């Protein structure tokens, strides 16, 4: 499943919730230096969806706030429902 996300680096706390346009917002405390914010966002998204980090892969947007990630659908049951809940939070 491909999921567009919007990363907010430098946030006071790390969380995946809300939407920005059609993208899921992932706020991370890490700064956007040397890919730290991207890695933190992928880890936060995996935690929020209840999947392992290795099941979340960056497809595009390594240096952008807007990213496209792929989540292995076989990794968890009810993934779409959890994703919808995060968007509504």
Protein backbone atom coordinates (compact mmCIF):
# COMPACT_ATOMS: atom_id res chain seq x y z
CA UNK A 1 0.00 0.00 0.00
CA UNK A 2 1.41 3.40 -0.98
CA UNK A 3 0.90 6.21 1.51
CA UNK A 4 1.74 9.88 0.91
CA UNK A 5 3.05 11.59 4.05
CA UNK A 6 4.06 15.11 5.08
CA UNK A 7 6.95 15.28 7.56
CA UNK A 8 7.16 18.06 10.15
CA UNK A 9 10.72 18.02 11.52
CA UNK A 10 11.61 19.71 14.80
CA UNK A 11 8.27 19.04 16.50
CA UNK A 12 8.00 18.95 20.29
CA UNK A 13 6.95 15.30 20.16
CA UNK A 14 6.90 12.51 17.61
CA UNK A 15 3.51 11.38 16.35
CA UNK A 16 1.65 10.39 13.22
CA UNK A 17 -1.79 11.99 13.08
CA UNK A 18 -3.84 14.41 11.05
CA UNK A 19 -3.77 15.36 7.41
CA UNK A 20 -2.22 18.03 5.23
CA UNK A 21 -4.13 18.05 1.95
CA UNK A 22 -4.29 14.38 1.07
CA UNK A 23 -1.17 13.42 3.05
CA UNK A 24 -0.83 11.89 6.51
CA UNK A 25 1.16 14.21 8.79
CA UNK A 26 4.10 12.69 10.67
CA UNK A 27 5.64 15.08 13.19
CA UNK A 28 9.12 14.17 14.43
CA UNK A 29 11.44 15.78 16.94
CA UNK A 30 14.49 15.07 14.76
CA UNK A 31 15.86 17.89 12.64
CA UNK A 32 16.08 17.66 8.85
CA UNK A 33 19.82 17.00 8.82
CA UNK A 34 21.47 14.04 7.05
CA UNK A 35 18.19 12.16 6.70
CA UNK A 36 17.48 12.03 10.43
CA UNK A 37 13.95 13.39 10.08
CA UNK A 38 13.14 10.95 7.26
CA UNK A 39 14.31 7.96 9.27
CA UNK A 40 12.44 9.17 12.36
CA UNK A 41 9.27 9.65 10.27
CA UNK A 42 9.45 6.13 8.84
CA UNK A 43 9.98 4.69 12.33
CA UNK A 44 7.11 6.74 13.78
CA UNK A 45 4.79 5.66 10.98
CA UNK A 46 5.68 2.01 11.50
CA UNK A 47 5.03 2.33 15.25
CA UNK A 48 1.71 4.11 14.71
CA UNK A 49 0.50 1.45 12.28
CA UNK A 50 1.73 -1.47 14.37
CA UNK A 51 4.17 -2.85 11.81
CA UNK A 52 7.91 -3.40 11.93
CA UNK A 53 10.17 -0.69 10.52
CA UNK A 54 11.41 -3.05 7.80
CA UNK A 55 7.86 -3.17 6.35
CA UNK A 56 7.88 0.61 5.68
CA UNK A 57 9.95 1.71 2.68
CA UNK A 58 10.62 5.17 1.26
CA UNK A 59 9.71 5.39 -2.42
CA UNK A 60 10.31 9.08 -3.11
CA UNK A 61 11.01 12.39 -1.40
CA UNK A 62 14.21 11.68 0.50
CA UNK A 63 15.03 15.41 0.78
CA UNK A 64 11.48 16.77 0.73
CA UNK A 65 8.85 17.21 3.43
CA UNK A 66 6.40 15.42 1.11
CA UNK A 67 7.25 11.74 0.81
CA UNK A 68 5.73 8.62 -0.65
CA UNK A 69 6.16 5.46 1.39
CA UNK A 70 5.17 1.88 0.76
CA UNK A 71 3.85 -0.32 3.54
CA UNK A 72 3.86 -4.08 3.19
CA UNK A 73 0.16 -4.97 3.38
CA UNK A 74 0.92 -8.54 4.48
CA UNK A 75 2.68 -7.18 7.58
CA UNK A 76 -0.49 -6.39 9.54
CA UNK A 77 -4.21 -7.03 9.53
CA UNK A 78 -6.50 -4.02 9.45
CA UNK A 79 -3.84 -1.69 8.08
CA UNK A 80 -6.31 0.44 6.12
CA UNK A 81 -8.50 0.93 9.19
CA UNK A 82 -5.52 2.04 11.31
CA UNK A 83 -4.41 4.42 8.59
CA UNK A 84 -7.88 5.98 8.41
CA UNK A 85 -7.91 6.38 12.21
CA UNK A 86 -4.59 8.24 12.09
CA UNK A 87 -5.91 10.59 9.42
CA UNK A 88 -8.94 11.42 11.56
CA UNK A 89 -6.91 12.00 14.75
